[in-house]
Protein backbone atom coordinates (compact mmCIF):
# COMPACT_ATOMS: atom_id res chain seq x y z
CA MET A 1 -35.47 39.01 99.15
CA GLU A 2 -36.06 39.09 102.86
CA HIS A 3 -36.07 36.05 105.11
CA ILE A 4 -39.87 36.04 105.55
CA GLU A 5 -40.47 36.52 101.83
CA ILE A 6 -38.24 33.54 101.08
CA ALA A 7 -40.16 31.40 103.55
CA LYS A 8 -43.46 32.44 101.92
CA GLU A 9 -42.08 31.63 98.48
CA ILE A 10 -40.97 28.19 99.71
CA ILE A 11 -44.54 27.55 100.85
CA ARG A 12 -45.95 28.69 97.48
CA VAL A 13 -43.55 26.46 95.56
CA SER A 14 -44.36 23.54 97.85
CA LYS A 15 -48.07 23.95 97.15
CA ARG A 16 -47.38 24.06 93.41
CA LEU A 17 -45.36 20.86 93.72
CA GLU A 18 -48.24 19.16 95.53
CA LYS A 19 -50.66 20.15 92.76
CA SER A 20 -48.23 19.10 90.06
CA GLY A 21 -48.43 15.48 91.20
CA ASP A 22 -52.12 15.37 90.31
CA ALA A 23 -51.41 17.08 87.00
CA LEU A 24 -48.72 14.50 86.20
CA PHE A 25 -51.10 11.63 86.91
CA ALA A 26 -53.72 13.23 84.65
CA ALA A 27 -51.15 13.77 81.88
CA ALA A 28 -49.97 10.16 82.16
CA ASP A 29 -53.55 8.92 81.95
CA GLU A 30 -54.23 11.07 78.89
CA LYS A 31 -51.02 9.87 77.25
CA ALA A 32 -51.96 6.22 77.76
CA THR A 33 -55.53 6.81 76.60
CA LYS A 34 -54.42 8.56 73.41
CA GLU A 35 -51.99 5.72 72.69
CA ARG A 36 -54.74 3.12 73.15
CA ILE A 37 -57.20 4.99 70.94
CA TYR A 38 -54.59 5.43 68.21
CA ARG A 39 -53.57 1.77 68.20
CA GLU A 40 -57.17 0.52 68.22
CA GLU A 41 -58.17 2.75 65.32
CA LEU A 42 -55.01 1.91 63.36
CA ALA A 43 -55.77 -1.80 63.72
CA LYS A 44 -59.35 -1.23 62.51
CA GLN A 45 -58.13 0.73 59.51
CA ILE A 46 -55.57 -1.95 58.60
CA LEU A 47 -58.23 -4.66 58.76
CA ARG A 48 -60.67 -2.54 56.76
CA ARG A 49 -58.13 -1.89 53.99
CA LYS A 50 -57.17 -5.58 53.85
CA ALA A 51 -60.84 -6.51 53.56
CA GLU A 52 -61.22 -3.98 50.75
CA GLY A 53 -58.48 -5.81 48.86
CA PHE A 54 -55.74 -3.19 48.93
CA PRO A 55 -52.26 -4.58 48.27
CA ALA A 56 -50.45 -5.58 51.48
CA THR A 57 -47.62 -3.19 50.69
CA LEU A 58 -50.01 -0.22 50.78
CA VAL A 59 -52.32 -1.18 53.65
CA GLY A 60 -50.11 0.19 56.44
CA ASP A 61 -49.48 3.52 54.73
CA ILE A 62 -53.13 4.06 53.87
CA ALA A 63 -54.24 3.12 57.39
CA ARG A 64 -51.72 5.48 58.96
CA GLY A 65 -52.95 8.25 56.73
CA GLU A 66 -56.49 7.63 57.95
CA VAL A 67 -55.48 7.95 61.60
CA ALA A 68 -53.01 10.82 61.24
CA GLN A 69 -55.03 13.12 63.52
CA LEU A 70 -55.07 10.46 66.25
CA LYS A 71 -51.31 10.04 65.89
CA TYR A 72 -50.89 13.79 66.23
CA GLU A 73 -52.99 13.77 69.42
CA ARG A 74 -51.01 10.82 70.75
CA ASP A 75 -47.67 12.50 70.07
CA LEU A 76 -48.88 15.80 71.52
CA SER A 77 -50.04 14.13 74.74
CA ALA A 78 -46.68 12.35 75.05
CA ASP A 79 -44.82 15.64 74.61
CA MET A 80 -47.09 17.38 77.11
CA PHE A 81 -46.35 14.62 79.62
CA LYS A 82 -42.61 15.10 79.12
CA ALA A 83 -42.98 18.86 79.49
CA SER A 84 -44.93 18.34 82.71
CA ILE A 85 -42.13 16.21 84.11
CA GLU A 86 -39.59 18.89 83.20
CA ALA A 87 -41.74 21.61 84.80
CA VAL A 88 -41.88 19.61 88.03
CA GLY A 89 -38.11 19.25 87.90
CA ALA A 90 -37.76 23.01 87.50
CA LEU A 91 -40.04 23.57 90.50
CA LYS A 92 -37.92 21.18 92.56
CA THR A 93 -34.82 23.14 91.60
CA VAL A 94 -36.44 26.43 92.62
CA ALA A 95 -37.52 24.90 95.93
CA SER A 96 -34.01 23.65 96.57
CA MET A 97 -32.49 27.05 95.76
CA LEU A 98 -34.93 28.82 98.04
CA GLN A 99 -34.19 26.41 100.87
CA THR A 100 -30.47 27.00 100.44
CA VAL A 101 -30.92 30.77 100.59
CA HIS A 102 -33.26 30.38 103.57
CA LYS A 103 -30.61 28.34 105.43
CA LYS A 104 -27.97 30.99 104.65
CA TYR A 105 -30.20 33.59 106.28
CA ASP A 106 -30.56 31.34 109.33
CA ASN A 107 -26.79 31.14 109.65
CA LEU A 108 -26.30 34.92 109.56
């Protein structure tokens, strides 16, 4: 890679890092929203099953079965958030490596 190409790549990575901040905020918001929706619906299902007279030992399991899709969505959003954080970390590493190479060229 030539010196100018490295500088251009540093700029591209920097722009991606700037955009990734917004994406992280959106992923965090989605994660929190999915958690709230799951917990609210689980509570409703537990109350509904208790009101229907199901034995207390079964209420939690039945309610969790009813909201399994919401739990899946909650877990998926949490994993996507973690993956987003890791992707930003990888971008930071690339930016650091490019800066190091760029400095080496300056010293030649």
